[in-house]
């Protein structure tokens, strides 16, 4: 089952995602973004699972999956 993001896209296992503009700004403001020189879309992950309340993302090939609120993520097209 997919979950809609803020742009009307659904999250499915295997989708590439990044943070939304608003969540990216929030992460920078609280000092949780790695560097202000790293653009928002440079950090991408793959959806592992999605349900009505959370989206589970693996940000690196060897990293542990991390759960996120769907409103904090957006689907990235492969050509972006």
Protein backbone atom coordinates (compact mmCIF):
# COMPACT_ATOMS: atom_id res chain seq x y z
CA UNK A 1 0.00 0.00 0.00
CA UNK A 2 1.41 3.42 -0.91
CA UNK A 3 1.12 6.58 1.11
CA UNK A 4 0.63 10.00 -0.49
CA UNK A 5 3.35 12.63 -0.11
CA UNK A 6 2.75 16.40 -0.22
CA UNK A 7 2.87 16.38 -4.05
CA UNK A 8 0.24 13.67 -4.45
CA UNK A 9 2.81 10.93 -5.13
CA UNK A 10 2.61 7.56 -3.41
CA UNK A 11 5.54 5.90 -1.70
CA UNK A 12 6.26 2.34 -2.75
CA UNK A 13 9.14 0.01 -1.91
CA UNK A 14 12.06 0.84 -4.19
CA UNK A 15 11.10 4.51 -4.71
CA UNK A 16 13.89 7.08 -4.45
CA UNK A 17 13.06 9.84 -1.96
CA UNK A 18 14.56 12.99 -0.51
CA UNK A 19 13.42 15.41 2.17
CA UNK A 20 10.84 18.08 1.35
CA UNK A 21 11.98 21.71 1.12
CA UNK A 22 10.31 22.54 4.44
CA UNK A 23 11.87 19.60 6.30
CA UNK A 24 15.28 20.35 4.77
CA UNK A 25 15.07 23.94 6.07
CA UNK A 26 14.04 22.63 9.49
CA UNK A 27 16.99 20.20 9.60
CA UNK A 28 19.39 23.00 8.68
CA UNK A 29 17.89 25.32 11.31
CA UNK A 30 18.37 22.80 14.12
CA UNK A 31 21.85 21.81 12.97
CA UNK A 32 20.97 18.27 11.85
CA UNK A 33 21.86 18.70 8.16
CA UNK A 34 25.44 17.51 7.43
CA UNK A 35 26.52 20.79 5.77
CA UNK A 36 24.87 23.86 4.32
CA UNK A 37 26.93 23.17 1.19
CA UNK A 38 25.12 19.87 0.57
CA UNK A 39 21.91 20.45 -1.41
CA UNK A 40 18.65 18.87 -0.31
CA UNK A 41 18.39 16.47 -3.25
CA UNK A 42 21.97 15.22 -2.79
CA UNK A 43 20.78 13.06 0.12
CA UNK A 44 18.54 10.37 -1.37
CA UNK A 45 17.29 7.10 -0.04
CA UNK A 46 15.28 4.07 -1.11
CA UNK A 47 11.89 3.27 0.37
CA UNK A 48 11.90 -0.10 2.11
CA UNK A 49 8.28 -0.06 3.29
CA UNK A 50 5.33 2.31 3.51
CA UNK A 51 2.06 2.23 5.40
CA UNK A 52 -0.53 4.78 6.44
CA UNK A 53 1.61 6.30 9.18
CA UNK A 54 5.28 6.00 8.23
CA UNK A 55 7.72 5.51 5.40
CA UNK A 56 10.80 3.39 6.08
CA UNK A 57 13.88 4.54 4.15
CA UNK A 58 17.39 3.13 3.76
CA UNK A 59 19.63 6.17 3.19
CA UNK A 60 22.79 4.19 2.41
CA UNK A 61 23.28 0.66 1.08
CA UNK A 62 24.73 -0.57 4.37
CA UNK A 63 22.70 1.66 6.69
CA UNK A 64 19.83 0.64 8.90
CA UNK A 65 16.34 1.61 7.72
CA UNK A 66 14.92 4.76 9.30
CA UNK A 67 11.21 5.57 9.77
CA UNK A 68 9.89 8.96 8.65
CA UNK A 69 6.59 10.77 8.51
CA UNK A 70 5.31 10.82 4.93
CA UNK A 71 4.91 14.62 5.01
CA UNK A 72 8.70 15.02 5.44
CA UNK A 73 9.60 13.15 2.24
CA UNK A 74 9.02 13.48 -1.46
CA UNK A 75 9.46 11.06 -4.33
CA UNK A 76 12.39 11.91 -6.62
CA UNK A 77 12.21 10.99 -10.28
CA UNK A 78 15.30 9.18 -11.58
CA UNK A 79 16.05 11.97 -14.07
CA UNK A 80 16.06 14.74 -11.41
